[in-house]
Amino acid sequence: MTADERQKRIFDYLKKVEFASLEDLSTQLDVSVSTVRRDVSNLEESGKLKRTHGGARLANPESDEFAFKSRDTHQLSEKEAIGRAVANLINPNQTVIMDAGTTVFHAAKYLEAKTPHIITNSLPIANHFAANNQVEVIVSGGVIYPRLGVMVGPLAVTAFTEINADVAIMGAGGITLEGISNSHVLLIDIQLAMLKAAQKVIFCIDHTKIGRQSLTRLCELDRIDALVTDAKAPKELLDSIRAAGVEVVVADLTH
C-alpha cells in the first residue's frame, strides 16, 4: 500500500469516527504506529487533520451529527423522562460514573438531591455541577474534544481504571439482543474501563436506539444490570432484553 493510499484510508476512516488513536489507525491499516505517525503528520500539513495527544481528528468535520448541542435537541421529552427514572435508581451518597451521552446529561440534572460523588469525562456534566457545593465531581484527564463535549484518550481511560464506583450511568448508540454498541470508536476503551470500575451498570437509551446496531460493539447484555428507556421503545424487544436478565425500566413520559 502506498503512502497516498494509506492517507486516503486514514482520512476516510476519520470521516466516520472523527477521532482515532494512532494505535487504532495502525490496526486499521495493518502498519506500524511510526508509519501512521508520518502519514498523520503529512495529512496535518495538508490541512485535513489535526494531531492530538496520541491520535488525530478531522480538522473540519463536515457534519454536526455528533456535536453535543445538536444531539441534545433530539427526543428531549424522552431524555428528560429517562433522566428522572435513572435518578430514582441511585441511592443517596453513592459514587457514580457518568459518561458523555446526552441522555446521561439529563440524568445528571436529577441527581443533585442525592448529593452523590460523580466521576465523569463529560464537560457539560462537569459544568452543570461547577457551582454546586453539594455534589463532589471528579473530572477525568484526557484530550478535550469540544464537538462531543468529552475528554478522550489514554489519560481518560487511565482515570477510570484507577477508581471503584457504586454505579455507572452510560449511554450508547444502540442496543440489540447481541449487546450494546456505540457510534464512536474513541469512546469504547473509556466505556470498557467504566464498566469494569462499577458494581452496577445502567444504560439510558431512548427508543430510537432500541433494536439498532451502531458502528462499534461495546459489550454483551450480560455486562449490564439495567436499561432505562422510554415508552415508545418496542415492547417485544424489551421483553426479550428482560428475559436475558437485564432489568428494564420504562420511563413515564406524562410527568
Protein backbone atom coordinates (compact mmCIF):
# COMPACT_ATOMS: atom_id res chain seq x y z
CA MET A 1 0.00 0.00 0.00
CA THR A 2 1.41 3.38 -0.99
CA ALA A 3 1.58 6.40 1.31
CA ASP A 4 -1.18 8.09 -0.69
CA GLU A 5 -3.43 5.05 -0.33
CA ARG A 6 -2.78 4.85 3.43
CA GLN A 7 -3.51 8.52 3.90
CA LYS A 8 -6.75 8.27 1.95
CA ARG A 9 -7.81 5.37 4.15
CA ILE A 10 -6.91 7.30 7.29
CA PHE A 11 -8.90 10.31 6.12
CA ASP A 12 -11.90 8.19 5.08
CA TYR A 13 -11.84 6.39 8.43
CA LEU A 14 -11.76 9.65 10.38
CA LYS A 15 -14.71 10.92 8.38
CA LYS A 16 -16.66 8.08 10.01
CA VAL A 17 -15.36 8.34 13.57
CA GLU A 18 -13.93 11.90 13.66
CA PHE A 19 -11.15 10.92 16.13
CA ALA A 20 -8.86 7.89 16.42
CA SER A 21 -5.74 6.94 18.32
CA LEU A 22 -2.52 6.15 16.46
CA GLU A 23 -2.82 2.56 17.69
CA ASP A 24 -6.34 2.28 16.26
CA LEU A 25 -5.18 3.65 12.90
CA SER A 26 -2.23 1.27 12.95
CA THR A 27 -4.63 -1.66 13.41
CA GLN A 28 -6.97 -0.40 10.68
CA LEU A 29 -4.13 -0.17 8.16
CA ASP A 30 -2.05 -3.10 9.43
CA VAL A 31 1.09 -0.96 9.56
CA SER A 32 3.36 0.26 12.34
CA VAL A 33 2.49 3.18 14.61
CA SER A 34 5.56 5.05 13.34
CA THR A 35 4.26 4.75 9.76
CA VAL A 36 0.85 6.04 10.83
CA ARG A 37 2.51 8.90 12.68
CA ARG A 38 4.28 10.01 9.49
CA ASP A 39 1.06 9.73 7.47
CA VAL A 40 -0.86 11.76 10.06
CA SER A 41 1.84 14.43 10.00
CA ASN A 42 1.55 14.67 6.22
CA LEU A 43 -2.23 14.92 6.42
CA GLU A 44 -1.92 17.64 9.07
CA GLU A 45 0.37 19.62 6.77
CA SER A 46 -2.28 19.38 4.06
CA GLY A 47 -4.87 20.82 6.47
CA LYS A 48 -7.12 17.75 6.52
CA LEU A 49 -6.33 16.55 10.05
CA LYS A 50 -5.20 17.86 13.39
CA ARG A 51 -2.90 15.82 15.58
CA THR A 52 -3.86 15.37 19.23
CA HIS A 53 -2.13 13.66 22.14
CA GLY A 54 -1.81 10.07 20.91
CA GLY A 55 -4.12 10.42 17.92
CA ALA A 56 -5.72 12.52 15.22
CA ARG A 57 -9.04 14.15 14.43
CA LEU A 58 -10.65 15.81 11.44
CA ALA A 59 -9.65 19.44 11.00
CA ASN A 60 -13.04 20.47 9.61
CA PRO A 61 -15.78 17.91 10.22
CA GLU A 62 -18.45 18.17 7.55
CA SER A 63 -21.38 17.28 9.77
CA ASP A 64 -22.60 18.32 13.21
CA GLU A 65 -24.32 14.96 13.65
CA PHE A 66 -22.19 14.15 16.66
CA ALA A 67 -22.00 17.62 18.22
CA PHE A 68 -23.32 17.58 21.78
CA LYS A 69 -25.66 20.56 21.44
CA SER A 70 -27.06 19.25 18.16
CA ARG A 71 -27.66 15.76 19.52
CA ASP A 72 -29.25 17.14 22.68
CA THR A 73 -32.11 18.68 20.69
CA HIS A 74 -33.36 15.21 19.72
CA GLN A 75 -36.03 13.33 21.76
CA LEU A 76 -35.87 15.92 24.55
CA SER A 77 -39.04 14.85 26.37
CA GLU A 78 -37.94 11.21 26.27
CA LYS A 79 -34.46 12.09 27.58
CA GLU A 80 -35.95 14.11 30.43
CA ALA A 81 -38.21 11.22 31.41
CA ILE A 82 -35.33 8.75 31.21
CA GLY A 83 -33.18 11.09 33.31
CA ARG A 84 -35.79 11.19 36.07
CA ALA A 85 -36.17 7.41 36.01
CA VAL A 86 -32.41 6.84 36.17
CA ALA A 87 -32.08 9.16 39.17
CA ASN A 88 -34.68 7.08 41.00
CA LEU A 89 -32.33 4.09 40.75
CA ILE A 90 -29.48 5.92 42.52
CA ASN A 91 -29.18 5.75 46.30
CA PRO A 92 -28.04 8.76 48.37
CA ASN A 93 -24.31 9.38 48.53
CA GLN A 94 -23.36 6.74 46.01
CA THR A 95 -20.26 7.11 43.86
CA VAL A 96 -21.50 7.43 40.29
CA ILE A 97 -19.63 7.27 36.99
CA MET A 98 -21.32 9.27 34.22
CA ASP A 99 -20.25 9.13 30.60
CA ALA A 100 -20.69 11.80 27.94
CA GLY A 101 -24.01 10.79 26.38
CA THR A 102 -26.71 13.43 26.04
CA THR A 103 -29.29 11.25 27.80
CA VAL A 104 -26.81 10.76 30.65
CA PHE A 105 -26.59 14.54 30.93
CA HIS A 106 -30.33 14.67 31.55
CA ALA A 107 -29.93 12.09 34.32
CA ALA A 108 -27.29 14.31 35.94
CA LYS A 109 -29.84 17.12 36.26
CA TYR A 110 -31.91 14.96 38.62
CA LEU A 111 -29.08 13.74 40.84
CA GLU A 112 -28.48 16.88 42.89
CA ALA A 113 -30.84 15.81 45.67
CA LYS A 114 -28.84 12.60 46.04
CA THR A 115 -25.62 14.57 46.76
CA PRO A 116 -23.55 11.89 45.04
CA HIS A 117 -19.88 11.64 44.19
CA ILE A 118 -19.61 11.87 40.40
CA ILE A 119 -16.71 10.86 38.17
CA THR A 120 -17.11 11.92 34.56
CA ASN A 121 -15.38 12.68 31.27
CA SER A 122 -18.30 14.89 30.20
CA LEU A 123 -17.66 18.63 30.07
CA PRO A 124 -21.40 19.51 30.11
CA ILE A 125 -21.91 17.41 33.25
CA ALA A 126 -18.86 18.95 34.93
CA ASN A 127 -20.07 22.44 34.01
CA HIS A 128 -23.57 21.66 35.28
CA PHE A 129 -22.23 20.95 38.78
CA ALA A 130 -19.47 23.59 38.75
CA ALA A 131 -21.31 25.94 41.12
CA ASN A 132 -22.86 23.22 43.28
CA ASN A 133 -21.05 22.67 46.57
CA GLN A 134 -23.25 19.69 47.49
CA VAL A 135 -22.06 17.39 44.71
CA GLU A 136 -18.43 16.26 44.59
CA VAL A 137 -17.29 15.94 40.98
CA ILE A 138 -14.08 14.35 39.75
CA VAL A 139 -13.25 15.08 36.11
CA SER A 140 -11.07 12.68 34.17
CA GLY A 141 -7.98 13.84 32.34
CA GLY A 142 -7.57 13.50 28.62
CA VAL A 143 -7.79 15.47 25.40
CA ILE A 144 -10.77 17.82 25.21
CA TYR A 145 -12.90 17.02 22.17
CA PRO A 146 -15.24 20.03 22.01
CA ARG A 147 -17.70 18.71 19.43
CA LEU A 148 -18.65 15.82 21.67
CA GLY A 149 -18.20 17.72 24.94
CA VAL A 150 -15.95 14.92 26.13
CA MET A 151 -12.41 14.11 27.24
CA VAL A 152 -10.82 11.23 25.37
CA GLY A 153 -7.51 9.43 25.01
CA PRO A 154 -5.22 7.34 27.24
CA LEU A 155 -5.38 9.70 30.25
CA ALA A 156 -9.18 9.49 30.27
CA VAL A 157 -9.04 5.70 30.14
CA THR A 158 -6.49 5.58 32.97
CA ALA A 159 -8.71 7.76 35.17
CA PHE A 160 -11.44 5.12 35.15
CA THR A 161 -9.12 2.15 35.65
CA GLU A 162 -7.99 3.57 39.00
CA ILE A 163 -11.35 4.03 40.72
CA ASN A 164 -14.16 1.97 42.25
CA ALA A 165 -17.73 3.16 41.85
CA ASP A 166 -21.15 2.02 43.02
CA VAL A 167 -22.89 2.76 39.73
CA ALA A 168 -22.06 3.68 36.14
CA ILE A 169 -24.68 5.59 34.15
CA MET A 170 -23.91 5.25 30.47
CA GLY A 171 -25.29 5.94 27.02
CA ALA A 172 -24.88 4.09 23.73
CA GLY A 173 -25.52 4.25 20.02
CA GLY A 174 -27.70 1.17 20.06
CA ILE A 175 -28.85 -1.98 21.86
CA THR A 176 -29.96 -5.33 20.41
CA LEU A 177 -30.07 -8.85 21.79
CA GLU A 178 -26.46 -9.13 20.64
CA GLY A 179 -25.45 -6.35 23.02
CA ILE A 180 -24.51 -2.68 23.29
CA SER A 181 -22.79 -0.69 20.54
CA ASN A 182 -21.57 2.88 20.12
CA SER A 183 -21.08 5.34 17.28
CA HIS A 184 -17.59 6.44 18.28
CA VAL A 185 -14.59 4.14 18.34
CA LEU A 186 -12.73 6.66 20.51
CA LEU A 187 -15.21 6.16 23.36
CA ILE A 188 -15.10 2.36 23.50
CA ASP A 189 -11.92 1.98 25.60
CA ILE A 190 -13.18 4.58 28.07
CA GLN A 191 -16.58 2.92 28.38
CA LEU A 192 -14.95 -0.50 28.88
CA ALA A 193 -12.95 0.97 31.76
CA MET A 194 -16.17 2.42 33.21
CA LEU A 195 -17.86 -0.99 33.01
CA LYS A 196 -15.03 -2.61 34.98
CA ALA A 197 -14.96 0.16 37.61
CA ALA A 198 -18.65 -0.01 38.60
CA GLN A 199 -20.56 -2.53 40.70
CA LYS A 200 -23.80 -1.73 38.87
CA VAL A 201 -24.16 -0.59 35.26
CA ILE A 202 -27.19 1.34 33.99
CA PHE A 203 -27.62 2.24 30.33
CA CYS A 204 -30.06 5.01 29.45
CA ILE A 205 -31.09 4.68 25.81
CA ASP A 206 -34.08 6.31 24.11
CA HIS A 207 -36.43 4.40 21.82
CA THR A 208 -34.71 5.46 18.58
CA LYS A 209 -31.69 3.32 19.53
CA ILE A 210 -33.56 0.22 20.73
CA GLY A 211 -33.02 -2.52 18.15
CA ARG A 212 -30.30 -0.53 16.42
CA GLN A 213 -26.70 -1.63 15.91
CA SER A 214 -24.19 1.17 15.89
CA LEU A 215 -20.66 1.28 14.46
CA THR A 216 -18.64 -0.46 17.19
CA ARG A 217 -19.57 -3.26 19.57
CA LEU A 218 -19.11 -2.41 23.26
CA CYS A 219 -20.34 -5.37 25.29
CA GLU A 220 -22.89 -8.16 25.58
CA LEU A 221 -26.08 -7.83 27.60
CA ASP A 222 -24.67 -9.84 30.50
CA ARG A 223 -22.28 -6.96 31.24
CA ILE A 224 -25.13 -4.59 32.15
CA ASP A 225 -27.61 -4.57 35.02
CA ALA A 226 -30.34 -2.18 33.91
CA LEU A 227 -31.70 -0.48 30.81
CA VAL A 228 -33.78 2.68 31.18
CA THR A 229 -35.73 3.71 28.09
CA ASP A 230 -38.99 5.45 27.15
CA ALA A 231 -42.48 4.20 26.40
CA LYS A 232 -42.01 4.41 22.62
CA ALA A 233 -39.49 1.54 22.68
CA PRO A 234 -40.67 -1.72 21.06
CA LYS A 235 -42.26 -3.85 23.79
CA GLU A 236 -41.37 -7.21 22.24
CA LEU A 237 -37.66 -6.40 22.16
CA LEU A 238 -37.76 -5.01 25.70
CA ASP A 239 -39.35 -8.28 26.86
CA SER A 240 -36.52 -10.22 25.20
CA ILE A 241 -33.93 -8.00 26.89
CA ARG A 242 -35.63 -8.67 30.24
CA ALA A 243 -35.54 -12.39 29.51
CA ALA A 244 -31.77 -12.05 29.02
CA GLY A 245 -31.50 -10.97 32.67
CA VAL A 246 -31.46 -7.17 32.32
CA GLU A 247 -33.72 -5.02 34.49
CA VAL A 248 -35.74 -2.86 32.09
CA VAL A 249 -37.26 0.40 33.35
CA VAL A 250 -39.69 2.25 31.05
CA ALA A 251 -39.78 5.93 31.90
CA ASP A 252 -43.14 7.67 32.28
CA LEU A 253 -43.48 10.46 29.72
CA THR A 254 -46.51 12.03 31.44
CA HIS A 255 -44.62 13.67 34.33
